[in-house]
PDB file of all heavy atoms in Angstrom:
ATOM      1  N   ARG A   1     -29.412  -3.034  11.119  1.00  0.00           N
ATOM      2  CA  ARG A   1     -28.883  -2.134  12.133  1.00  0.00           C
ATOM      3  C   ARG A   1     -29.289  -2.587  13.528  1.00  0.00           C
ATOM      4  O   ARG A   1     -30.452  -2.748  13.854  1.00  0.00           O
ATOM      5  CB  ARG A   1     -29.396  -0.742  11.955  1.00  0.00           C
ATOM      6  CG  ARG A   1     -28.832  -0.109  10.612  1.00  0.00           C
ATOM      7  CD  ARG A   1     -29.026   1.390  10.705  1.00  0.00           C
ATOM      8  NE  ARG A   1     -28.484   1.971   9.527  1.00  0.00           N
ATOM      9  CZ  ARG A   1     -29.007   2.551   8.502  1.00  0.00           C
ATOM     10  NH1 ARG A   1     -30.371   2.581   8.493  1.00  0.00           N
ATOM     11  NH2 ARG A   1     -28.424   3.085   7.559  1.00  0.00           N
ATOM     12  N   GLY A   2     -28.341  -2.721  14.344  1.00  0.00           N
ATOM     13  CA  GLY A   2     -28.504  -3.133  15.717  1.00  0.00           C
ATOM     14  C   GLY A   2     -28.828  -1.866  16.596  1.00  0.00           C
ATOM     15  O   GLY A   2     -28.723  -0.736  16.093  1.00  0.00           O
ATOM     16  N   PRO A   3     -29.144  -2.153  17.842  1.00  0.00           N
ATOM     17  CA  PRO A   3     -29.412  -0.951  18.770  1.00  0.00           C
ATOM     18  C   PRO A   3     -28.259  -0.040  18.853  1.00  0.00           C
ATOM     19  O   PRO A   3     -28.490   1.131  18.995  1.00  0.00           O
ATOM     20  CB  PRO A   3     -29.779  -1.622  20.104  1.00  0.00           C
ATOM     21  CG  PRO A   3     -30.141  -3.056  19.767  1.00  0.00           C
ATOM     22  CD  PRO A   3     -29.390  -3.475  18.470  1.00  0.00           C
ATOM     23  N   ALA A   4     -27.054  -0.566  18.849  1.00  0.00           N
ATOM     24  CA  ALA A   4     -25.859   0.304  18.907  1.00  0.00           C
ATOM     25  C   ALA A   4     -25.744   1.316  17.770  1.00  0.00           C
ATOM     26  O   ALA A   4     -25.440   2.453  17.953  1.00  0.00           O
ATOM     27  CB  ALA A   4     -24.570  -0.516  19.047  1.00  0.00           C
ATOM     28  N   ALA A   5     -26.097   0.742  16.583  1.00  0.00           N
ATOM     29  CA  ALA A   5     -26.060   1.657  15.397  1.00  0.00           C
ATOM     30  C   ALA A   5     -27.133   2.682  15.461  1.00  0.00           C
ATOM     31  O   ALA A   5     -26.831   3.807  15.104  1.00  0.00           O
ATOM     32  CB  ALA A   5     -26.162   0.774  14.090  1.00  0.00           C
ATOM     33  N   VAL A   6     -28.276   2.336  15.904  1.00  0.00           N
ATOM     34  CA  VAL A   6     -29.372   3.281  15.995  1.00  0.00           C
ATOM     35  C   VAL A   6     -29.023   4.350  17.039  1.00  0.00           C
ATOM     36  O   VAL A   6     -29.236   5.549  16.824  1.00  0.00           O
ATOM     37  CB  VAL A   6     -30.673   2.527  16.336  1.00  0.00           C
ATOM     38  CG1 VAL A   6     -31.749   3.630  16.597  1.00  0.00           C
ATOM     39  CG2 VAL A   6     -31.062   1.733  15.238  1.00  0.00           C
ATOM     40  N   GLU A   7     -28.398   3.876  18.204  1.00  0.00           N
ATOM     41  CA  GLU A   7     -28.048   4.877  19.186  1.00  0.00           C
ATOM     42  C   GLU A   7     -26.996   5.797  18.670  1.00  0.00           C
ATOM     43  O   GLU A   7     -26.964   7.017  18.991  1.00  0.00           O
ATOM     44  CB  GLU A   7     -27.540   4.119  20.419  1.00  0.00           C
ATOM     45  CG  GLU A   7     -27.242   5.038  21.621  1.00  0.00           C
ATOM     46  CD  GLU A   7     -28.386   5.761  22.118  1.00  0.00           C
ATOM     47  OE1 GLU A   7     -29.557   5.345  21.971  1.00  0.00           O
ATOM     48  OE2 GLU A   7     -28.193   6.934  22.544  1.00  0.00           O
ATOM     49  N   GLU A   8     -25.988   5.338  17.872  1.00  0.00           N
ATOM     50  CA  GLU A   8     -24.968   6.124  17.364  1.00  0.00           C
ATOM     51  C   GLU A   8     -25.588   7.131  16.324  1.00  0.00           C
ATOM     52  O   GLU A   8     -25.114   8.299  16.293  1.00  0.00           O
ATOM     53  CB  GLU A   8     -23.875   5.271  16.565  1.00  0.00           C
ATOM     54  CG  GLU A   8     -22.860   5.988  15.830  1.00  0.00           C
ATOM     55  CD  GLU A   8     -21.937   6.763  16.781  1.00  0.00           C
ATOM     56  OE1 GLU A   8     -21.870   6.448  18.016  1.00  0.00           O
ATOM     57  OE2 GLU A   8     -21.201   7.601  16.343  1.00  0.00           O
ATOM     58  N   LEU A   9     -26.535   6.722  15.559  1.00  0.00           N
ATOM     59  CA  LEU A   9     -27.204   7.637  14.626  1.00  0.00           C
ATOM     60  C   LEU A   9     -27.921   8.717  15.426  1.00  0.00           C
ATOM     61  O   LEU A   9     -27.831   9.898  14.980  1.00  0.00           O
ATOM     62  CB  LEU A   9     -28.167   6.881  13.748  1.00  0.00           C
ATOM     63  CG  LEU A   9     -28.885   7.640  12.658  1.00  0.00           C
ATOM     64  CD1 LEU A   9     -27.873   8.180  11.723  1.00  0.00           C
ATOM     65  CD2 LEU A   9     -29.926   6.825  11.901  1.00  0.00           C
ATOM     66  N   ARG A  10     -28.527   8.351  16.474  1.00  0.00           N
ATOM     67  CA  ARG A  10     -29.325   9.441  17.277  1.00  0.00           C
ATOM     68  C   ARG A  10     -28.266  10.414  17.899  1.00  0.00           C
ATOM     69  O   ARG A  10     -28.463  11.617  17.905  1.00  0.00           O
ATOM     70  CB  ARG A  10     -30.062   8.767  18.420  1.00  0.00           C
ATOM     71  CG  ARG A  10     -31.248   8.068  18.047  1.00  0.00           C
ATOM     72  CD  ARG A  10     -32.016   7.445  19.129  1.00  0.00           C
ATOM     73  NE  ARG A  10     -33.111   6.745  18.741  1.00  0.00           N
ATOM     74  CZ  ARG A  10     -33.655   5.651  19.273  1.00  0.00           C
ATOM     75  NH1 ARG A  10     -33.122   5.144  20.350  1.00  0.00           N
ATOM     76  NH2 ARG A  10     -34.698   5.022  18.681  1.00  0.00           N
ATOM     77  N   ARG A  11     -27.045   9.921  18.401  1.00  0.00           N
ATOM     78  CA  ARG A  11     -26.137  10.687  19.064  1.00  0.00           C
ATOM     79  C   ARG A  11     -25.579  11.732  17.985  1.00  0.00           C
ATOM     80  O   ARG A  11     -25.429  12.941  18.260  1.00  0.00           O
ATOM     81  CB  ARG A  11     -25.001   9.938  19.550  1.00  0.00           C
ATOM     82  CG  ARG A  11     -23.897  10.629  20.364  1.00  0.00           C
ATOM     83  CD  ARG A  11     -22.760   9.820  20.749  1.00  0.00           C
ATOM     84  NE  ARG A  11     -22.003   9.219  19.604  1.00  0.00           N
ATOM     85  CZ  ARG A  11     -21.189   9.925  18.771  1.00  0.00           C
ATOM     86  NH1 ARG A  11     -20.899  11.224  19.103  1.00  0.00           N
ATOM     87  NH2 ARG A  11     -20.551   9.304  17.925  1.00  0.00           N
ATOM     88  N   ARG A  12     -25.335  11.252  16.754  1.00  0.00           N
ATOM     89  CA  ARG A  12     -24.736  12.127  15.688  1.00  0.00           C
ATOM     90  C   ARG A  12     -25.808  13.122  15.299  1.00  0.00           C
ATOM     91  O   ARG A  12     -25.420  14.253  14.988  1.00  0.00           O
ATOM     92  CB  ARG A  12     -24.320  11.258  14.472  1.00  0.00           C
ATOM     93  CG  ARG A  12     -23.074  10.476  14.768  1.00  0.00           C
ATOM     94  CD  ARG A  12     -22.647   9.781  13.533  1.00  0.00           C
ATOM     95  NE  ARG A  12     -21.431   9.003  13.742  1.00  0.00           N
ATOM     96  CZ  ARG A  12     -20.763   8.390  12.809  1.00  0.00           C
ATOM     97  NH1 ARG A  12     -21.098   8.465  11.572  1.00  0.00           N
ATOM     98  NH2 ARG A  12     -19.680   7.766  13.157  1.00  0.00           N
ATOM     99  N   ALA A  13     -27.075  12.727  15.339  1.00  0.00           N
ATOM    100  CA  ALA A  13     -28.113  13.734  14.915  1.00  0.00           C
ATOM    101  C   ALA A  13     -28.199  14.895  15.942  1.00  0.00           C
ATOM    102  O   ALA A  13     -28.337  16.030  15.602  1.00  0.00           O
ATOM    103  CB  ALA A  13     -29.465  13.045  14.772  1.00  0.00           C
ATOM    104  N   VAL A  14     -28.072  14.450  17.252  1.00  0.00           N
ATOM    105  CA  VAL A  14     -28.144  15.538  18.318  1.00  0.00           C
ATOM    106  C   VAL A  14     -26.949  16.394  18.264  1.00  0.00           C
ATOM    107  O   VAL A  14     -27.045  17.700  18.310  1.00  0.00           O
ATOM    108  CB  VAL A  14     -28.258  14.822  19.669  1.00  0.00           C
ATOM    109  CG1 VAL A  14     -28.005  15.780  20.787  1.00  0.00           C
ATOM    110  CG2 VAL A  14     -29.656  14.169  19.829  1.00  0.00           C
ATOM    111  N   GLU A  15     -25.729  15.808  18.030  1.00  0.00           N
ATOM    112  CA  GLU A  15     -24.503  16.662  17.819  1.00  0.00           C
ATOM    113  C   GLU A  15     -24.678  17.597  16.702  1.00  0.00           C
ATOM    114  O   GLU A  15     -24.190  18.798  16.726  1.00  0.00           O
ATOM    115  CB  GLU A  15     -23.314  15.725  17.695  1.00  0.00           C
ATOM    116  CG  GLU A  15     -22.883  15.106  18.936  1.00  0.00           C
ATOM    117  CD  GLU A  15     -21.734  14.115  18.759  1.00  0.00           C
ATOM    118  OE1 GLU A  15     -21.261  13.961  17.516  1.00  0.00           O
ATOM    119  OE2 GLU A  15     -21.318  13.531  19.755  1.00  0.00           O
ATOM    120  N   ASP A  16     -25.167  17.101  15.517  1.00  0.00           N
ATOM    121  CA  ASP A  16     -25.370  17.972  14.407  1.00  0.00           C
ATOM    122  C   ASP A  16     -26.327  19.145  14.660  1.00  0.00           C
ATOM    123  O   ASP A  16     -26.076  20.252  14.328  1.00  0.00           O
ATOM    124  CB  ASP A  16     -25.891  17.187  13.235  1.00  0.00           C
ATOM    125  CG  ASP A  16     -25.901  17.983  11.911  1.00  0.00           C
ATOM    126  OD1 ASP A  16     -24.966  18.662  11.537  1.00  0.00           O
ATOM    127  OD2 ASP A  16     -27.069  18.004  11.280  1.00  0.00           O
ATOM    128  N   ALA A  17     -27.455  18.837  15.342  1.00  0.00           N
ATOM    129  CA  ALA A  17     -28.375  19.852  15.662  1.00  0.00           C
ATOM    130  C   ALA A  17     -27.784  20.927  16.629  1.00  0.00           C
ATOM    131  O   ALA A  17     -27.992  22.146  16.589  1.00  0.00           O
ATOM    132  CB  ALA A  17     -29.677  19.245  16.336  1.00  0.00           C
ATOM    133  N   GLN A  18     -26.932  20.374  17.587  1.00  0.00           N
ATOM    134  CA  GLN A  18     -26.230  21.317  18.483  1.00  0.00           C
ATOM    135  C   GLN A  18     -25.319  22.269  17.715  1.00  0.00           C
ATOM    136  O   GLN A  18     -25.267  23.380  17.982  1.00  0.00           O
ATOM    137  CB  GLN A  18     -25.500  20.445  19.514  1.00  0.00           C
ATOM    138  CG  GLN A  18     -24.819  21.304  20.561  1.00  0.00           C
ATOM    139  CD  GLN A  18     -25.869  21.887  21.508  1.00  0.00           C
ATOM    140  OE1 GLN A  18     -26.695  21.161  22.062  1.00  0.00           O
ATOM    141  NE2 GLN A  18     -25.819  23.151  21.754  1.00  0.00           N
ATOM    142  N   ARG A  19     -24.510  21.680  16.805  1.00  0.00           N
ATOM    143  CA  ARG A  19     -23.595  22.533  16.013  1.00  0.00           C
ATOM    144  C   ARG A  19     -24.371  23.501  15.172  1.00  0.00           C
ATOM    145  O   ARG A  19     -23.999  24.655  15.040  1.00  0.00           O
ATOM    146  CB  ARG A  19     -22.792  21.576  15.071  1.00  0.00           C
ATOM    147  CG  ARG A  19     -21.492  21.068  15.713  1.00  0.00           C
ATOM    148  CD  ARG A  19     -20.654  20.433  14.695  1.00  0.00           C
ATOM    149  NE  ARG A  19     -21.250  19.400  13.875  1.00  0.00           N
ATOM    150  CZ  ARG A  19     -21.314  18.119  14.290  1.00  0.00           C
ATOM    151  NH1 ARG A  19     -20.712  17.718  15.445  1.00  0.00           N
ATOM    152  NH2 ARG A  19     -21.833  17.192  13.517  1.00  0.00           N
ATOM    153  N   ARG A  20     -25.452  23.130  14.567  1.00  0.00           N
ATOM    154  CA  ARG A  20     -26.263  24.173  13.796  1.00  0.00           C
ATOM    155  C   ARG A  20     -26.848  25.147  14.672  1.00  0.00           C
ATOM    156  O   ARG A  20     -26.861  26.363  14.319  1.00  0.00           O
ATOM    157  CB  ARG A  20     -27.411  23.351  13.104  1.00  0.00           C
ATOM    158  CG  ARG A  20     -26.849  22.446  12.000  1.00  0.00           C
ATOM    159  CD  ARG A  20     -28.018  21.757  11.306  1.00  0.00           C
ATOM    160  NE  ARG A  20     -28.834  22.685  10.606  1.00  0.00           N
ATOM    161  CZ  ARG A  20     -30.141  22.503  10.348  1.00  0.00           C
ATOM    162  NH1 ARG A  20     -30.624  21.273  10.759  1.00  0.00           N
ATOM    163  NH2 ARG A  20     -30.792  23.317   9.788  1.00  0.00           N
ATOM    164  N   LEU A  21     -27.272  24.797  15.916  1.00  0.00           N
ATOM    165  CA  LEU A  21     -27.818  25.800  16.769  1.00  0.00           C
ATOM    166  C   LEU A  21     -26.743  26.731  17.277  1.00  0.00           C
ATOM    167  O   LEU A  21     -27.007  27.992  17.277  1.00  0.00           O
ATOM    168  CB  LEU A  21     -28.516  25.125  18.002  1.00  0.00           C
ATOM    169  CG  LEU A  21     -29.135  26.007  19.064  1.00  0.00           C
ATOM    170  CD1 LEU A  21     -30.271  26.792  18.487  1.00  0.00           C
ATOM    171  CD2 LEU A  21     -29.476  25.174  20.247  1.00  0.00           C
ATOM    172  N   ASP A  22     -25.588  26.318  17.609  1.00  0.00           N
ATOM    173  CA  ASP A  22     -24.517  27.056  18.059  1.00  0.00           C
ATOM    174  C   ASP A  22     -24.090  28.095  16.974  1.00  0.00           C
ATOM    175  O   ASP A  22     -23.742  29.247  17.171  1.00  0.00           O
ATOM    176  CB  ASP A  22     -23.258  26.273  18.428  1.00  0.00           C
ATOM    177  CG  ASP A  22     -23.452  25.591  19.796  1.00  0.00           C
ATOM    178  OD1 ASP A  22     -24.440  25.981  20.498  1.00  0.00           O
ATOM    179  OD2 ASP A  22     -22.666  24.751  20.126  1.00  0.00           O
ATOM    180  N   ARG A  23     -24.004  27.540  15.683  1.00  0.00           N
ATOM    181  CA  ARG A  23     -23.630  28.392  14.581  1.00  0.00           C
ATOM    182  C   ARG A  23     -24.688  29.570  14.328  1.00  0.00           C
ATOM    183  O   ARG A  23     -24.328  30.611  14.139  1.00  0.00           O
ATOM    184  CB  ARG A  23     -23.446  27.540  13.251  1.00  0.00           C
ATOM    185  CG  ARG A  23     -22.751  28.173  12.193  1.00  0.00           C
ATOM    186  CD  ARG A  23     -22.515  27.338  10.921  1.00  0.00           C
ATOM    187  NE  ARG A  23     -22.265  26.002  11.345  1.00  0.00           N
ATOM    188  CZ  ARG A  23     -22.902  24.897  10.846  1.00  0.00           C
ATOM    189  NH1 ARG A  23     -23.790  25.070   9.812  1.00  0.00           N
ATOM    190  NH2 ARG A  23     -22.588  23.693  11.199  1.00  0.00           N
ATOM    191  N   ALA A  24     -25.926  29.120  14.429  1.00  0.00           N
ATOM    192  CA  ALA A  24     -26.958  30.195  14.234  1.00  0.00           C
ATOM    193  C   ALA A  24     -27.017  31.217  15.369  1.00  0.00           C
ATOM    194  O   ALA A  24     -27.077  32.425  15.072  1.00  0.00           O
ATOM    195  CB  ALA A  24     -28.352  29.508  14.185  1.00  0.00           C
ATOM    196  N   LEU A  25     -26.837  30.767  16.642  1.00  0.00           N
ATOM    197  CA  LEU A  25     -26.736  31.700  17.755  1.00  0.00           C
ATOM    198  C   LEU A  25     -25.517  32.533  17.597  1.00  0.00           C
ATOM    199  O   LEU A  25     -25.543  33.823  17.941  1.00  0.00           O
ATOM    200  CB  LEU A  25     -26.786  30.929  19.048  1.00  0.00           C
ATOM    201  CG  LEU A  25     -28.097  30.399  19.559  1.00  0.00           C
ATOM    202  CD1 LEU A  25     -27.918  29.495  20.747  1.00  0.00           C
ATOM    203  CD2 LEU A  25     -29.049  31.515  19.823  1.00  0.00           C
ATOM    204  N   GLY A  26     -24.350  32.016  17.285  1.00  0.00           N
ATOM    205  CA  GLY A  26     -23.170  32.689  17.144  1.00  0.00           C
ATOM    206  C   GLY A  26     -23.294  33.788  16.047  1.00  0.00           C
ATOM    207  O   GLY A  26     -22.859  34.963  16.231  1.00  0.00           O
ATOM    208  N   HIS A  27     -23.847  33.445  14.983  1.00  0.00           N
ATOM    209  CA  HIS A  27     -24.061  34.415  13.899  1.00  0.00           C
ATOM    210  C   HIS A  27     -25.024  35.583  14.250  1.00  0.00           C
ATOM    211  O   HIS A  27     -24.742  36.706  14.030  1.00  0.00           O
ATOM    212  CB  HIS A  27     -24.616  33.723  12.642  1.00  0.00           C
ATOM    213  CG  HIS A  27     -24.892  34.624  11.585  1.00  0.00           C
ATOM    214  ND1 HIS A  27     -23.917  35.197  10.753  1.00  0.00           N
ATOM    215  CD2 HIS A  27     -25.999  34.997  10.990  1.00  0.00           C
ATOM    216  CE1 HIS A  27     -24.390  35.947   9.813  1.00  0.00           C
ATOM    217  NE2 HIS A  27     -25.707  35.848   9.907  1.00  0.00           N
ATOM    218  N   LEU A  28     -26.077  35.178  14.980  1.00  0.00           N
ATOM    219  CA  LEU A  28     -27.045  36.194  15.440  1.00  0.00           C
ATOM    220  C   LEU A  28     -26.550  37.091  16.450  1.00  0.00           C
ATOM    221  O   LEU A  28     -26.770  38.331  16.378  1.00  0.00           O
ATOM    222  CB  LEU A  28     -28.292  35.379  15.934  1.00  0.00           C
ATOM    223  CG  LEU A  28     -29.518  36.153  16.210  1.00  0.00           C
ATOM    224  CD1 LEU A  28     -30.146  36.602  14.925  1.00  0.00           C
ATOM    225  CD2 LEU A  28     -30.521  35.293  16.961  1.00  0.00           C
ATOM    226  N   LEU A  29     -25.752  36.645  17.406  1.00  0.00           N
ATOM    227  CA  LEU A  29     -25.262  37.435  18.456  1.00  0.00           C
ATOM    228  C   LEU A  29     -23.877  37.982  18.303  1.00  0.00           C
ATOM    229  O   LEU A  29     -23.288  38.645  19.125  1.00  0.00           O
ATOM    230  CB  LEU A  29     -25.290  36.649  19.758  1.00  0.00           C
ATOM    231  CG  LEU A  29     -26.736  36.282  20.258  1.00  0.00           C
ATOM    232  CD1 LEU A  29     -26.697  35.421  21.423  1.00  0.00           C
ATOM    233  CD2 LEU A  29     -27.520  37.570  20.606  1.00  0.00           C
ATOM    234  N   GLY A  30     -23.293  37.575  17.204  1.00  0.00           N
ATOM    235  CA  GLY A  30     -21.817  38.061  16.797  1.00  0.00           C
ATOM    236  C   GLY A  30     -20.827  37.363  17.599  1.00  0.00           C
ATOM    237  O   GLY A  30     -19.689  37.950  17.767  1.00  0.00           O
ATOM    238  N   PHE A  31     -20.921  36.132  17.997  1.00  0.00           N
ATOM    239  CA  PHE A  31     -19.891  35.328  18.625  1.00  0.00           C
ATOM    240  C   PHE A  31     -19.141  34.545  17.548  1.00  0.00           C
ATOM    241  O   PHE A  31     -19.736  34.058  16.623  1.00  0.00           O
ATOM    242  CB  PHE A  31     -20.437  34.356  19.650  1.00  0.00           C
ATOM    243  CG  PHE A  31     -21.148  35.128  20.789  1.00  0.00           C
ATOM    244  CD1 PHE A  31     -22.307  34.561  21.303  1.00  0.00           C
ATOM    245  CD2 PHE A  31     -20.623  36.280  21.329  1.00  0.00           C
ATOM    246  CE1 PHE A  31     -22.976  35.198  22.382  1.00  0.00           C
ATOM    247  CE2 PHE A  31     -21.284  36.923  22.375  1.00  0.00           C
ATOM    248  CZ  PHE A  31     -22.402  36.398  22.917  1.00  0.00           C
ATOM    249  N   GLU A  32     -17.837  34.270  17.774  1.00  0.00           N
ATOM    250  CA  GLU A  32     -16.987  33.427  16.953  1.00  0.00           C
ATOM    251  C   GLU A  32     -17.413  31.978  17.230  1.00  0.00           C
ATOM    252  O   GLU A  32     -17.881  31.637  18.218  1.00  0.00           O
ATOM    253  CB  GLU A  32     -15.605  33.647  17.227  1.00  0.00           C
ATOM    254  CG  GLU A  32     -15.011  35.014  16.977  1.00  0.00           C
ATOM    255  CD  GLU A  32     -15.062  35.357  15.461  1.00  0.00           C
ATOM    256  OE1 GLU A  32     -14.799  34.421  14.648  1.00  0.00           O
ATOM    257  OE2 GLU A  32     -15.299  36.488  15.139  1.00  0.00           O
ATOM    258  N   ALA A  33     -17.202  31.172  16.087  1.00  0.00           N
ATOM    259  CA  ALA A  33     -17.523  29.759  16.197  1.00  0.00           C
ATOM    260  C   ALA A  33     -16.794  28.957  17.317  1.00  0.00           C
ATOM    261  O   ALA A  33     -17.295  28.010  17.856  1.00  0.00           O
ATOM    262  CB  ALA A  33     -17.381  29.071  14.899  1.00  0.00           C
ATOM    263  N   ASP A  34     -15.523  29.520  17.587  1.00  0.00           N
ATOM    264  CA  ASP A  34     -14.673  28.812  18.657  1.00  0.00           C
ATOM    265  C   ASP A  34     -14.844  29.383  19.982  1.00  0.00           C
ATOM    266  O   ASP A  34     -14.133  28.997  21.026  1.00  0.00           O
ATOM    267  CB  ASP A  34     -13.317  28.749  18.212  1.00  0.00           C
ATOM    268  CG  ASP A  34     -12.684  30.109  17.931  1.00  0.00           C
ATOM    269  OD1 ASP A  34     -13.434  31.092  17.958  1.00  0.00           O
ATOM    270  OD2 ASP A  34     -11.405  30.202  17.856  1.00  0.00           O
ATOM    271  N   ASP A  35     -15.822  30.358  20.200  1.00  0.00           N
ATOM    272  CA  ASP A  35     -15.967  30.982  21.443  1.00  0.00           C
ATOM    273  C   ASP A  35     -16.977  30.196  22.216  1.00  0.00           C
ATOM    274  O   ASP A  35     -18.180  30.513  22.426  1.00  0.00           O
ATOM    275  CB  ASP A  35     -16.499  32.373  21.315  1.00  0.00           C
ATOM    276  CG  ASP A  35     -16.451  33.250  22.529  1.00  0.00           C
ATOM    277  OD1 ASP A  35     -16.146  32.694  23.557  1.00  0.00           O
ATOM    278  OD2 ASP A  35     -16.883  34.414  22.448  1.00  0.00           O
ATOM    279  N   LEU A  36     -16.545  29.031  22.785  1.00  0.00           N
ATOM    280  CA  LEU A  36     -17.491  28.059  23.413  1.00  0.00           C
ATOM    281  C   LEU A  36     -18.157  28.627  24.625  1.00  0.00           C
ATOM    282  O   LEU A  36     -19.343  28.255  24.895  1.00  0.00           O
ATOM    283  CB  LEU A  36     -16.676  26.748  23.683  1.00  0.00           C
ATOM    284  CG  LEU A  36     -16.060  26.079  22.527  1.00  0.00           C
ATOM    285  CD1 LEU A  36     -15.316  24.797  22.968  1.00  0.00           C
ATOM    286  CD2 LEU A  36     -17.050  25.758  21.539  1.00  0.00           C
ATOM    287  N   SER A  37     -17.526  29.402  25.460  1.00  0.00           N
ATOM    288  CA  SER A  37     -18.137  29.966  26.639  1.00  0.00           C
ATOM    289  C   SER A  37     -19.294  30.772  26.316  1.00  0.00           C
ATOM    290  O   SER A  37     -20.421  30.788  26.883  1.00  0.00           O
ATOM    291  CB  SER A  37     -17.176  30.580  27.599  1.00  0.00           C
ATOM    292  OG  SER A  37     -16.677  31.739  26.987  1.00  0.00           O
ATOM    293  N   ASN A  38     -19.170  31.688  25.332  1.00  0.00           N
ATOM    294  CA  ASN A  38     -20.255  32.626  24.994  1.00  0.00           C
ATOM    295  C   ASN A  38     -21.373  31.849  24.247  1.00  0.00           C
ATOM    296  O   ASN A  38     -22.579  32.216  24.386  1.00  0.00           O
ATOM    297  CB  ASN A  38     -19.748  33.771  24.097  1.00  0.00           C
ATOM    298  CG  ASN A  38     -19.102  34.914  24.953  1.00  0.00           C
ATOM    299  OD1 ASN A  38     -19.623  35.105  26.082  1.00  0.00           O
ATOM    300  ND2 ASN A  38     -18.136  35.575  24.441  1.00  0.00           N
ATOM    301  N   LEU A  39     -20.965  30.914  23.438  1.00  0.00           N
ATOM    302  CA  LEU A  39     -22.039  29.992  22.813  1.00  0.00           C
ATOM    303  C   LEU A  39     -22.858  29.310  23.846  1.00  0.00           C
ATOM    304  O   LEU A  39     -24.020  29.167  23.742  1.00  0.00           O
ATOM    305  CB  LEU A  39     -21.441  29.061  21.807  1.00  0.00           C
ATOM    306  CG  LEU A  39     -20.840  29.713  20.506  1.00  0.00           C
ATOM    307  CD1 LEU A  39     -20.149  28.724  19.696  1.00  0.00           C
ATOM    308  CD2 LEU A  39     -21.944  30.435  19.762  1.00  0.00           C
ATOM    309  N   ALA A  40     -22.163  28.838  24.867  1.00  0.00           N
ATOM    310  CA  ALA A  40     -22.880  28.177  25.971  1.00  0.00           C
ATOM    311  C   ALA A  40     -23.789  29.114  26.700  1.00  0.00           C
ATOM    312  O   ALA A  40     -24.943  28.793  27.091  1.00  0.00           O
ATOM    313  CB  ALA A  40     -21.895  27.446  26.932  1.00  0.00           C
ATOM    314  N   ARG A  41     -23.381  30.308  26.903  1.00  0.00           N
ATOM    315  CA  ARG A  41     -24.307  31.381  27.457  1.00  0.00           C
ATOM    316  C   ARG A  41     -25.468  31.705  26.640  1.00  0.00           C
ATOM    317  O   ARG A  41     -26.568  31.820  27.139  1.00  0.00           O
ATOM    318  CB  ARG A  41     -23.437  32.652  27.728  1.00  0.00           C
ATOM    319  CG  ARG A  41     -22.382  32.531  28.839  1.00  0.00           C
ATOM    320  CD  ARG A  41     -21.463  33.759  28.893  1.00  0.00           C
ATOM    321  NE  ARG A  41     -22.288  34.890  29.091  1.00  0.00           N
ATOM    322  CZ  ARG A  41     -22.086  36.135  28.430  1.00  0.00           C
ATOM    323  NH1 ARG A  41     -21.200  36.249  27.529  1.00  0.00           N
ATOM    324  NH2 ARG A  41     -22.917  37.130  28.742  1.00  0.00           N
TER     325      ARG A  41
END
């Protein structure tokens, strides 16, 4: 694996963590998964 592959793996891990966090916050606060502005808030 070169540096580009490692960087891609890191980027995907951060995106996955972001999706999981958004899903958990949305479930907790009652926001829909596609309500991006409220999830950002």
